[in-house]
């Protein structure tokens, strides 16, 4: 009798455990379903049913196709080839839209829902800057420190003001009443030479290594300086000149730029000391990814310059790791991994630049202004390089025709487009986006394809 009661208790216990297990499984199922539903909602863009994954798949597919076409037949530098094919594709899509509007509507639905500024500034930029900075030797850069520092700071400030003045009077010539503060913003966003564009093309330009280091080093640092100048002027423009304080603005600049450099230095040494204690390339690659992603996010949270922080971290980590921190196998894997990241992200970035033409508002008058601005921006670049070089030549030797090469090698890229897109509409964003786009396309295609020939003809 007792055994029967015990058996009954066991059966009831088993049943209750089964019910409990079933309830737990049911709850887990609900949670998973809700998470999937939430992910779908998070990844779905307005006006279409495409998720983030779908958008990425389309971009990777187009990048692979365009890169293949370029490598198989056109044989241009990968970034330029992909961008040109994307531009041609955009024109063909626009033309086909005249015959079949549904085609243009579908493509526009995809492109217009890609936040170019967010994708570049918050996601891709840190990876691209770190990948480029890894290849810069800190010891060699130290020998070129004065040209790099002066060109990246004084040169960027000079270019900003020269471009803003010329743009202000050019707009007046076309009866466009655009305030000077907005022209100053345009000068700030178009003055930095984009390291992503510059370093990708300089690899195949065949110029002397010392001059290549000057150009690439300047483009890395004036990128970060340019972003800080742009954000500082934007803050003044938004809050109004009535609240402007030179001392406060200077302190803001010093905090963002100087703080970013110090934070990046600490991050680079921290990464180096961590990897020095292990010898596992898988873990070492993960550590570098953590440095880039968490470092950029933390710098942004602390209101420091994320680009400058990642550049410093990349230079210090790369140099120290090559000296003593990594084994030969780890170094090989790490370099190949970041080279691959660099190539893929660069290709996607220039694809986006090409496709961005579909969503830019075209105005014939502004397009004409943009064509004139190509010449004026190059002139401003020449002035901003000539003045510092004239000063530096008193005690530093420069390569033959260095000013010409620094001027023509100062390419503009996606960073300028991203900053233009971040402008409020009230600050003539549409006009500046179109002008910036025209300058960037000219810079990458014409300057990018001819800098190697110019270097050989100049016998630098």
Protein backbone atom coordinates (compact mmCIF):
# COMPACT_ATOMS: atom_id res chain seq x y z
CA UNK A 1 0.00 0.00 0.00
CA UNK A 2 2.86 2.31 0.93
CA UNK A 3 4.62 1.38 -2.33
CA UNK A 4 1.47 2.34 -4.29
CA UNK A 5 1.34 5.74 -2.60
CA UNK A 6 5.04 6.30 -3.32
CA UNK A 7 4.51 5.31 -6.97
CA UNK A 8 1.57 7.72 -7.22
CA UNK A 9 3.67 10.53 -5.71
CA UNK A 10 6.48 9.84 -8.17
CA UNK A 11 4.00 9.90 -11.11
CA UNK A 12 2.51 13.18 -9.90
CA UNK A 13 6.01 14.61 -9.45
CA UNK A 14 7.01 13.55 -12.98
CA UNK A 15 3.80 15.03 -14.41
CA UNK A 16 4.31 18.31 -12.54
CA UNK A 17 7.92 18.46 -13.75
CA UNK A 18 6.73 17.82 -17.33
CA UNK A 19 4.12 20.58 -17.03
CA UNK A 20 6.74 22.88 -15.56
CA UNK A 21 9.19 22.02 -18.35
CA UNK A 22 6.46 22.56 -20.93
CA UNK A 23 5.64 25.94 -19.38
CA UNK A 24 9.32 26.92 -19.40
CA UNK A 25 9.68 25.84 -23.05
CA UNK A 26 6.53 27.80 -23.90
CA UNK A 27 7.91 30.93 -22.21
CA UNK A 28 11.28 30.55 -23.96
CA UNK A 29 9.46 30.13 -27.27
CA UNK A 30 7.50 33.34 -26.63
CA UNK A 31 10.68 35.24 -25.76
CA UNK A 32 12.44 34.02 -28.92
CA UNK A 33 9.39 34.90 -31.03
CA UNK A 34 9.24 38.37 -29.49
CA UNK A 35 12.97 38.90 -30.02
CA UNK A 36 12.69 37.86 -33.66
CA UNK A 37 9.72 40.15 -34.10
CA UNK A 38 11.60 42.97 -32.40
CA UNK A 39 14.65 42.40 -34.60
CA UNK A 40 12.50 42.48 -37.70
CA UNK A 41 10.95 45.75 -36.57
CA UNK A 42 14.35 47.19 -35.71
CA UNK A 43 15.84 46.15 -39.04
CA UNK A 44 12.94 47.19 -41.24
CA UNK A 45 13.16 50.52 -43.00
CA UNK A 46 10.22 52.79 -43.67
CA UNK A 47 8.34 52.48 -46.93
CA UNK A 48 9.62 48.98 -47.72
CA UNK A 49 9.96 45.54 -46.21
CA UNK A 50 13.76 45.30 -46.46
CA UNK A 51 15.66 44.53 -43.27
CA UNK A 52 19.22 45.55 -42.40
CA UNK A 53 20.36 42.10 -43.51
CA UNK A 54 18.67 42.50 -46.89
CA UNK A 55 20.28 45.91 -47.42
CA UNK A 56 23.72 44.52 -46.51
CA UNK A 57 23.22 41.57 -48.85
CA UNK A 58 22.36 43.90 -51.75
CA UNK A 59 25.37 46.13 -51.03
CA UNK A 60 27.78 43.18 -50.78
CA UNK A 61 26.36 41.69 -53.99
CA UNK A 62 26.75 44.97 -55.92
CA UNK A 63 30.22 45.55 -54.50
CA UNK A 64 31.34 42.05 -55.52
CA UNK A 65 29.91 42.41 -59.05
CA UNK A 66 31.40 45.88 -59.61
CA UNK A 67 34.77 44.84 -58.14
CA UNK A 68 34.83 41.80 -60.43
CA UNK A 69 34.00 43.89 -63.53
CA UNK A 70 36.71 46.39 -62.61
CA UNK A 71 39.35 43.73 -61.89
CA UNK A 72 38.45 41.67 -64.97
CA UNK A 73 38.18 44.41 -67.61
CA UNK A 74 38.71 48.01 -66.45
CA UNK A 75 41.83 47.47 -64.29
CA UNK A 76 41.55 50.74 -62.35
CA UNK A 77 42.37 51.05 -58.62
CA UNK A 78 39.56 49.10 -56.88
CA UNK A 79 38.00 52.07 -55.05
CA UNK A 80 37.88 54.25 -58.17
CA UNK A 81 36.64 51.42 -60.40
CA UNK A 82 33.80 50.47 -58.05
CA UNK A 83 32.71 54.09 -57.64
CA UNK A 84 32.74 54.82 -61.40
CA UNK A 85 30.70 51.69 -62.18
CA UNK A 86 28.25 52.65 -59.41
CA UNK A 87 27.96 56.15 -60.91
CA UNK A 88 27.30 54.74 -64.37
CA UNK A 89 24.75 52.33 -62.90
CA UNK A 90 23.03 55.23 -61.13
CA UNK A 91 22.78 57.16 -64.41
CA UNK A 92 21.39 54.10 -66.22
CA UNK A 93 18.85 53.52 -63.43
CA UNK A 94 17.76 57.17 -63.64
CA UNK A 95 17.37 56.91 -67.43
CA UNK A 96 15.50 53.59 -67.23
CA UNK A 97 13.21 55.23 -64.65
CA UNK A 98 11.94 57.53 -67.40
CA UNK A 99 10.70 54.46 -69.28
CA UNK A 100 9.67 52.35 -66.29
CA UNK A 101 9.18 54.42 -63.08
CA UNK A 102 8.90 51.28 -60.96
CA UNK A 103 12.61 50.54 -61.41
CA UNK A 104 13.73 53.92 -60.06
CA UNK A 105 11.18 53.80 -57.23
CA UNK A 106 12.47 50.41 -56.03
CA UNK A 107 16.14 51.44 -56.10
CA UNK A 108 15.42 54.81 -54.51
CA UNK A 109 13.54 53.01 -51.72
CA UNK A 110 16.73 51.10 -50.89
CA UNK A 111 19.29 53.93 -51.31
CA UNK A 112 17.26 56.65 -49.59
CA UNK A 113 16.90 54.47 -46.48
CA UNK A 114 20.67 54.13 -46.05
CA UNK A 115 21.86 56.80 -43.65
CA UNK A 116 25.19 57.49 -45.36
CA UNK A 117 26.45 59.83 -42.63
CA UNK A 118 25.62 57.37 -39.85
CA UNK A 119 27.08 54.37 -41.72
CA UNK A 120 30.37 56.16 -42.37
CA UNK A 121 30.86 58.29 -39.25
CA UNK A 122 29.60 55.82 -36.63
CA UNK A 123 30.30 52.40 -38.16
CA UNK A 124 32.88 52.30 -40.96
CA UNK A 125 35.22 55.20 -40.16
CA UNK A 126 36.87 53.66 -37.09
CA UNK A 127 37.66 50.40 -38.93
CA UNK A 128 39.06 52.21 -41.99
CA UNK A 129 41.20 54.61 -39.96
CA UNK A 130 42.63 51.83 -37.79
CA UNK A 131 43.41 49.70 -40.85
CA UNK A 132 45.24 52.62 -42.46
CA UNK A 133 47.05 53.68 -39.28
CA UNK A 134 48.39 50.15 -38.67
CA UNK A 135 50.68 50.53 -41.70
CA UNK A 136 52.24 53.81 -40.52
CA UNK A 137 55.53 53.39 -38.70
CA UNK A 138 55.65 55.73 -35.71
CA UNK A 139 59.45 56.09 -35.97
CA UNK A 140 59.28 57.15 -39.63
CA UNK A 141 56.31 59.39 -38.89
CA UNK A 142 58.31 61.04 -36.11
CA UNK A 143 60.89 62.15 -38.68
CA UNK A 144 58.09 63.84 -40.64
CA UNK A 145 56.25 65.11 -37.56
CA UNK A 146 56.55 68.84 -38.25
CA UNK A 147 55.28 68.75 -41.85
CA UNK A 148 52.42 66.45 -40.78
CA UNK A 149 51.45 68.49 -37.68
CA UNK A 150 51.66 71.91 -39.38
CA UNK A 151 49.84 70.80 -42.54
CA UNK A 152 47.14 68.95 -40.56
CA UNK A 153 46.43 71.90 -38.24
CA UNK A 154 47.48 75.26 -39.74
CA UNK A 155 46.87 74.00 -43.27
CA UNK A 156 43.32 72.87 -42.44
CA UNK A 157 42.50 76.20 -40.75
CA UNK A 158 43.89 78.19 -43.70
CA UNK A 159 41.95 76.09 -46.21
CA UNK A 160 38.73 76.43 -44.18
CA UNK A 161 38.85 80.23 -44.22
CA UNK A 162 40.06 80.57 -47.83
CA UNK A 163 37.33 78.22 -49.14
CA UNK A 164 34.64 79.96 -47.05
CA UNK A 165 35.55 83.42 -48.38
CA UNK A 166 35.68 82.30 -52.01
CA UNK A 167 32.42 80.36 -51.65
CA UNK A 168 30.66 83.34 -50.05
CA UNK A 169 31.49 85.66 -52.98
CA UNK A 170 30.85 82.96 -55.60
CA UNK A 171 27.33 82.46 -54.20
CA UNK A 172 26.80 86.22 -54.39
CA UNK A 173 27.87 86.12 -58.04
CA UNK A 174 25.05 83.63 -58.72
CA UNK A 175 22.55 85.65 -56.63
CA UNK A 176 22.47 82.99 -53.90
CA UNK A 177 22.08 84.56 -50.47
CA UNK A 178 23.90 82.06 -48.26
CA UNK A 179 25.16 83.38 -44.87
CA UNK A 180 28.91 83.41 -44.24
CA UNK A 181 28.61 81.04 -41.24
CA UNK A 182 27.20 78.42 -43.62
CA UNK A 183 30.06 79.04 -46.05
CA UNK A 184 32.45 78.57 -43.11
CA UNK A 185 30.82 75.19 -42.44
CA UNK A 186 31.33 74.26 -46.07
CA UNK A 187 34.99 75.29 -45.84
CA UNK A 188 35.42 73.09 -42.77
CA UNK A 189 33.80 70.00 -44.32
CA UNK A 190 35.60 70.21 -47.69
CA UNK A 191 39.10 71.11 -46.39
CA UNK A 192 40.18 67.80 -44.81
CA UNK A 193 41.74 65.37 -47.26
CA UNK A 194 40.05 62.04 -46.74
CA UNK A 195 42.53 59.37 -45.51
CA UNK A 196 40.23 56.62 -46.76
CA UNK A 197 40.44 57.91 -50.33
CA UNK A 198 44.08 59.06 -50.11
CA UNK A 199 45.66 55.94 -48.60
CA UNK A 200 43.75 53.56 -50.86
CA UNK A 201 45.01 55.32 -53.99
CA UNK A 202 48.53 56.25 -52.83
CA UNK A 203 49.39 52.56 -52.48
CA UNK A 204 49.38 52.30 -56.28
CA UNK A 205 50.55 55.83 -57.18
CA UNK A 206 54.26 55.03 -57.10
CA UNK A 207 55.46 58.20 -55.31
CA UNK A 208 58.51 58.37 -52.99
CA UNK A 209 57.90 56.86 -49.55
CA UNK A 210 58.84 60.03 -47.65
CA UNK A 211 56.31 62.09 -49.61
CA UNK A 212 53.72 59.33 -49.35
CA UNK A 213 54.18 59.40 -45.57
CA UNK A 214 53.70 63.19 -45.52
CA UNK A 215 50.49 62.96 -47.57
CA UNK A 216 49.03 59.95 -45.75
CA UNK A 217 50.07 61.22 -42.31
CA UNK A 218 48.56 64.65 -42.99
CA UNK A 219 45.35 63.13 -44.37
CA UNK A 220 44.97 60.92 -41.28
CA UNK A 221 45.36 63.76 -38.80
CA UNK A 222 43.66 66.57 -40.71
CA UNK A 223 40.67 64.25 -40.97
CA UNK A 224 40.27 64.28 -37.20
CA UNK A 225 41.14 68.00 -36.96
CA UNK A 226 38.67 68.81 -39.74
CA UNK A 227 35.83 66.95 -38.02
CA UNK A 228 36.51 68.84 -34.77
CA UNK A 229 36.59 72.22 -36.61
CA UNK A 230 33.36 71.34 -38.42
CA UNK A 231 31.55 70.32 -35.23
CA UNK A 232 32.82 73.41 -33.38
CA UNK A 233 31.57 75.78 -36.11
CA UNK A 234 28.29 73.84 -36.33
CA UNK A 235 27.73 74.28 -32.60
CA UNK A 236 28.33 78.04 -32.93
CA UNK A 237 26.01 78.21 -35.96
CA UNK A 238 23.21 76.35 -34.16
CA UNK A 239 23.49 78.21 -30.84
CA UNK A 240 24.00 81.59 -32.52
CA UNK A 241 26.96 83.96 -32.70
CA UNK A 242 25.55 85.90 -29.72
CA UNK A 243 26.71 83.11 -27.41
CA UNK A 244 30.10 82.76 -29.17
CA UNK A 245 33.16 82.84 -26.93
CA UNK A 246 36.62 82.52 -28.46
CA UNK A 247 38.06 81.09 -25.25
CA UNK A 248 35.20 78.59 -24.86
CA UNK A 249 35.44 77.53 -28.52
CA UNK A 250 39.21 77.10 -28.23
CA UNK A 251 38.80 74.99 -25.09
CA UNK A 252 36.19 72.84 -26.84
CA UNK A 253 38.61 72.28 -29.75
CA UNK A 254 41.51 71.45 -27.41
CA UNK A 255 39.36 69.06 -25.39
CA UNK A 256 38.10 67.13 -28.42
CA UNK A 257 41.35 67.03 -30.39
CA UNK A 258 43.88 66.83 -27.53
CA UNK A 259 41.68 64.52 -25.48
CA UNK A 260 41.20 62.25 -28.48
CA UNK A 261 44.97 62.01 -29.05
CA UNK A 262 45.67 61.22 -25.38
CA UNK A 263 42.86 58.68 -25.19
CA UNK A 264 44.07 56.99 -28.39
CA UNK A 265 47.63 56.85 -27.07
CA UNK A 266 46.45 55.14 -23.89
CA UNK A 267 44.27 52.76 -25.92
CA UNK A 268 47.16 51.81 -28.22
CA UNK A 269 49.52 51.02 -25.34
CA UNK A 270 46.79 49.12 -23.47
CA UNK A 271 46.15 46.93 -26.51
CA UNK A 272 49.89 46.33 -26.94
CA UNK A 273 50.41 45.31 -23.29
CA UNK A 274 47.44 42.91 -23.44
CA UNK A 275 48.55 41.08 -26.61
CA UNK A 276 52.16 40.92 -25.42
CA UNK A 277 51.09 38.43 -22.75
CA UNK A 278 49.54 35.91 -25.20
CA UNK A 279 50.37 34.19 -28.49
CA UNK A 280 47.05 33.37 -30.16
CA UNK A 281 46.20 35.21 -33.38
CA UNK A 282 42.44 34.58 -32.97
CA UNK A 283 42.37 36.34 -29.60
CA UNK A 284 44.72 39.09 -30.85
CA UNK A 285 42.40 39.89 -33.77
CA UNK A 286 39.46 40.05 -31.34
CA UNK A 287 41.42 42.46 -29.13
CA UNK A 288 42.05 44.81 -32.09
CA UNK A 289 38.34 44.69 -32.99
CA UNK A 290 37.50 45.55 -29.38
CA UNK A 291 39.96 48.46 -29.46
CA UNK A 292 38.29 49.93 -32.55
CA UNK A 293 34.64 49.39 -31.67
CA UNK A 294 34.70 50.08 -27.94
CA UNK A 295 37.41 52.75 -28.23
CA UNK A 296 35.48 54.76 -30.84
CA UNK A 297 32.23 54.42 -28.87
CA UNK A 298 33.86 55.44 -25.57
CA UNK A 299 35.61 58.43 -27.16
CA UNK A 300 32.28 59.54 -28.61
CA UNK A 301 30.62 59.14 -25.21
CA UNK A 302 33.36 61.24 -23.55
CA UNK A 303 32.96 63.93 -26.26
CA UNK A 304 36.48 63.31 -27.57
CA UNK A 305 37.53 62.98 -31.19
CA UNK A 306 36.91 59.32 -32.11
CA UNK A 307 38.83 59.55 -35.41
CA UNK A 308 41.96 61.00 -33.76
CA UNK A 309 41.74 58.43 -30.94
CA UNK A 310 41.59 55.48 -33.36
CA UNK A 311 44.39 56.91 -35.54
CA UNK A 312 46.73 57.22 -32.54
CA UNK A 313 45.73 53.77 -31.24
CA UNK A 314 46.39 52.23 -34.66
CA UNK A 315 49.81 53.88 -35.11
CA UNK A 316 51.04 53.01 -31.61
CA UNK A 317 49.63 49.48 -31.57
CA UNK A 318 50.91 48.72 -35.08
CA UNK A 319 54.41 50.01 -34.38
CA UNK A 320 54.83 48.37 -30.96
CA UNK A 321 53.29 45.09 -32.10
CA UNK A 322 55.69 44.89 -35.06
CA UNK A 323 58.68 45.52 -32.80
CA UNK A 324 58.07 42.94 -30.08
CA UNK A 325 54.44 42.24 -29.37
CA UNK A 326 53.46 39.70 -32.02
CA UNK A 327 54.85 36.46 -33.35
CA UNK A 328 55.43 36.14 -37.10
CA UNK A 329 52.24 34.06 -37.57
CA UNK A 330 50.09 36.45 -35.51
CA UNK A 331 51.49 39.48 -37.36
CA UNK A 332 50.72 37.86 -40.71
CA UNK A 333 47.13 37.02 -39.75
CA UNK A 334 46.53 40.42 -38.17
CA UNK A 335 47.84 42.36 -41.20
CA UNK A 336 45.86 40.21 -43.65
CA UNK A 337 42.69 40.52 -41.57
CA UNK A 338 42.83 44.33 -41.43
CA UNK A 339 43.86 44.56 -45.09
CA UNK A 340 40.76 42.56 -45.95
CA UNK A 341 38.56 44.78 -43.74
CA UNK A 342 40.11 47.82 -45.42
CA UNK A 343 39.47 46.53 -48.95
CA UNK A 344 35.87 45.40 -48.28
CA UNK A 345 34.82 48.54 -46.39
CA UNK A 346 36.51 50.80 -48.94
CA UNK A 347 34.71 49.07 -51.79
CA UNK A 348 31.33 49.36 -50.00
CA UNK A 349 32.01 53.02 -49.13
CA UNK A 350 32.80 54.00 -52.72
CA UNK A 351 29.82 52.01 -53.95
CA UNK A 352 27.64 54.08 -51.61
CA UNK A 353 29.23 57.30 -52.90
CA UNK A 354 28.33 56.26 -56.44
CA UNK A 355 24.75 55.28 -55.55
CA UNK A 356 24.23 58.43 -53.47
CA UNK A 357 23.81 60.33 -56.75
CA UNK A 358 20.30 58.84 -57.05
CA UNK A 359 19.00 60.66 -53.96
CA UNK A 360 20.83 64.00 -54.25
CA UNK A 361 18.57 66.86 -55.32
CA UNK A 362 19.91 68.21 -58.60
CA UNK A 363 19.80 71.95 -59.33
CA UNK A 364 21.44 73.23 -62.57
CA UNK A 365 22.60 76.49 -60.95
CA UNK A 366 24.12 74.70 -57.95
CA UNK A 367 25.79 72.18 -60.30
CA UNK A 368 27.46 75.08 -62.13
CA UNK A 369 28.57 76.52 -58.78
CA UNK A 370 29.97 73.08 -57.93
CA UNK A 371 32.06 73.02 -61.11
CA UNK A 372 33.55 76.44 -60.26
CA UNK A 373 34.15 75.28 -56.69
CA UNK A 374 36.35 72.42 -57.94
CA UNK A 375 38.88 75.01 -59.14
CA UNK A 376 38.49 77.20 -56.05
CA UNK A 377 38.93 74.29 -53.63
CA UNK A 378 42.10 73.21 -55.46
CA UNK A 379 43.34 76.81 -55.28
CA UNK A 380 42.60 76.91 -51.54
CA UNK A 381 44.43 73.61 -51.12
CA UNK A 382 47.45 75.05 -52.95
CA UNK A 383 47.49 78.11 -50.66
CA UNK A 384 47.01 76.02 -47.50
CA UNK A 385 49.97 73.81 -48.51
CA UNK A 386 52.27 76.53 -49.91
CA UNK A 387 52.21 78.78 -46.82
CA UNK A 388 53.20 76.05 -44.27
CA UNK A 389 55.78 74.52 -46.66
CA UNK A 390 57.34 77.96 -47.30
CA UNK A 391 57.71 78.34 -43.54
CA UNK A 392 58.93 74.77 -42.92
CA UNK A 393 61.55 74.89 -45.71
CA UNK A 394 63.64 77.18 -43.51
CA UNK A 395 64.88 74.08 -41.65
CA UNK A 396 63.28 71.01 -43.29
CA UNK A 397 64.10 69.61 -46.71
CA UNK A 398 61.13 68.84 -48.96
CA UNK A 399 60.99 66.66 -52.05
CA UNK A 400 61.04 68.24 -55.49
CA UNK A 401 57.57 69.51 -56.51
CA UNK A 402 56.26 68.56 -53.04
CA UNK A 403 53.72 71.42 -53.04
CA UNK A 404 52.28 70.29 -56.37
CA UNK A 405 52.03 66.68 -55.22
CA UNK A 406 50.53 67.60 -51.84
CA UNK A 407 47.97 69.78 -53.62
CA UNK A 408 46.95 67.23 -56.25
CA UNK A 409 47.26 64.31 -53.82
CA UNK A 410 44.83 65.89 -51.36
CA UNK A 411 41.80 63.87 -52.35
CA UNK A 412 38.34 64.45 -50.92
CA UNK A 413 36.14 61.45 -50.16
CA UNK A 414 33.15 60.07 -48.34
CA UNK A 415 33.94 61.94 -45.12
CA UNK A 416 33.14 65.30 -46.75
CA UNK A 417 29.86 63.91 -48.14
CA UNK A 418 28.95 62.51 -44.71
CA UNK A 419 29.58 65.87 -42.99
CA UNK A 420 27.56 67.70 -45.66
CA UNK A 421 24.66 65.29 -45.13
CA UNK A 422 24.78 65.93 -41.38
CA UNK A 423 23.98 69.64 -41.85
CA UNK A 424 20.50 70.82 -40.83
CA UNK A 425 18.23 71.66 -43.79
CA UNK A 426 18.05 75.28 -42.61
CA UNK A 427 21.80 75.60 -43.30
CA UNK A 428 21.43 74.98 -47.06
CA UNK A 429 22.19 71.28 -46.75
CA UNK A 430 20.86 70.36 -50.22
CA UNK A 431 23.07 72.96 -51.93
CA UNK A 432 26.21 71.96 -50.03
CA UNK A 433 25.60 68.21 -50.49
CA UNK A 434 25.41 68.61 -54.29
CA UNK A 435 28.49 70.86 -54.45
CA UNK A 436 30.44 68.52 -52.16
CA UNK A 437 29.42 65.50 -54.22
CA UNK A 438 30.66 67.13 -57.45
CA UNK A 439 34.02 68.00 -55.85
CA UNK A 440 34.43 64.50 -54.35
CA UNK A 441 33.65 62.71 -57.62
CA UNK A 442 36.12 64.92 -59.52
CA UNK A 443 38.74 64.45 -56.80
CA UNK A 444 38.54 60.67 -56.71
CA UNK A 445 38.27 60.05 -60.45
CA UNK A 446 40.45 62.78 -62.01
CA UNK A 447 43.01 63.38 -59.25
CA UNK A 448 43.07 59.73 -58.20
CA UNK A 449 43.72 58.42 -61.70
CA UNK A 450 46.37 61.03 -62.58
CA UNK A 451 48.44 61.41 -59.41
CA UNK A 452 50.73 58.50 -60.38
CA UNK A 453 51.37 59.95 -63.84
CA UNK A 454 51.94 63.38 -62.34
CA UNK A 455 54.51 61.93 -59.92
CA UNK A 456 56.45 60.25 -62.74
CA UNK A 457 56.37 63.33 -64.97
CA UNK A 458 57.41 65.61 -62.13
CA UNK A 459 60.31 63.26 -61.29
CA UNK A 460 59.67 63.85 -57.61
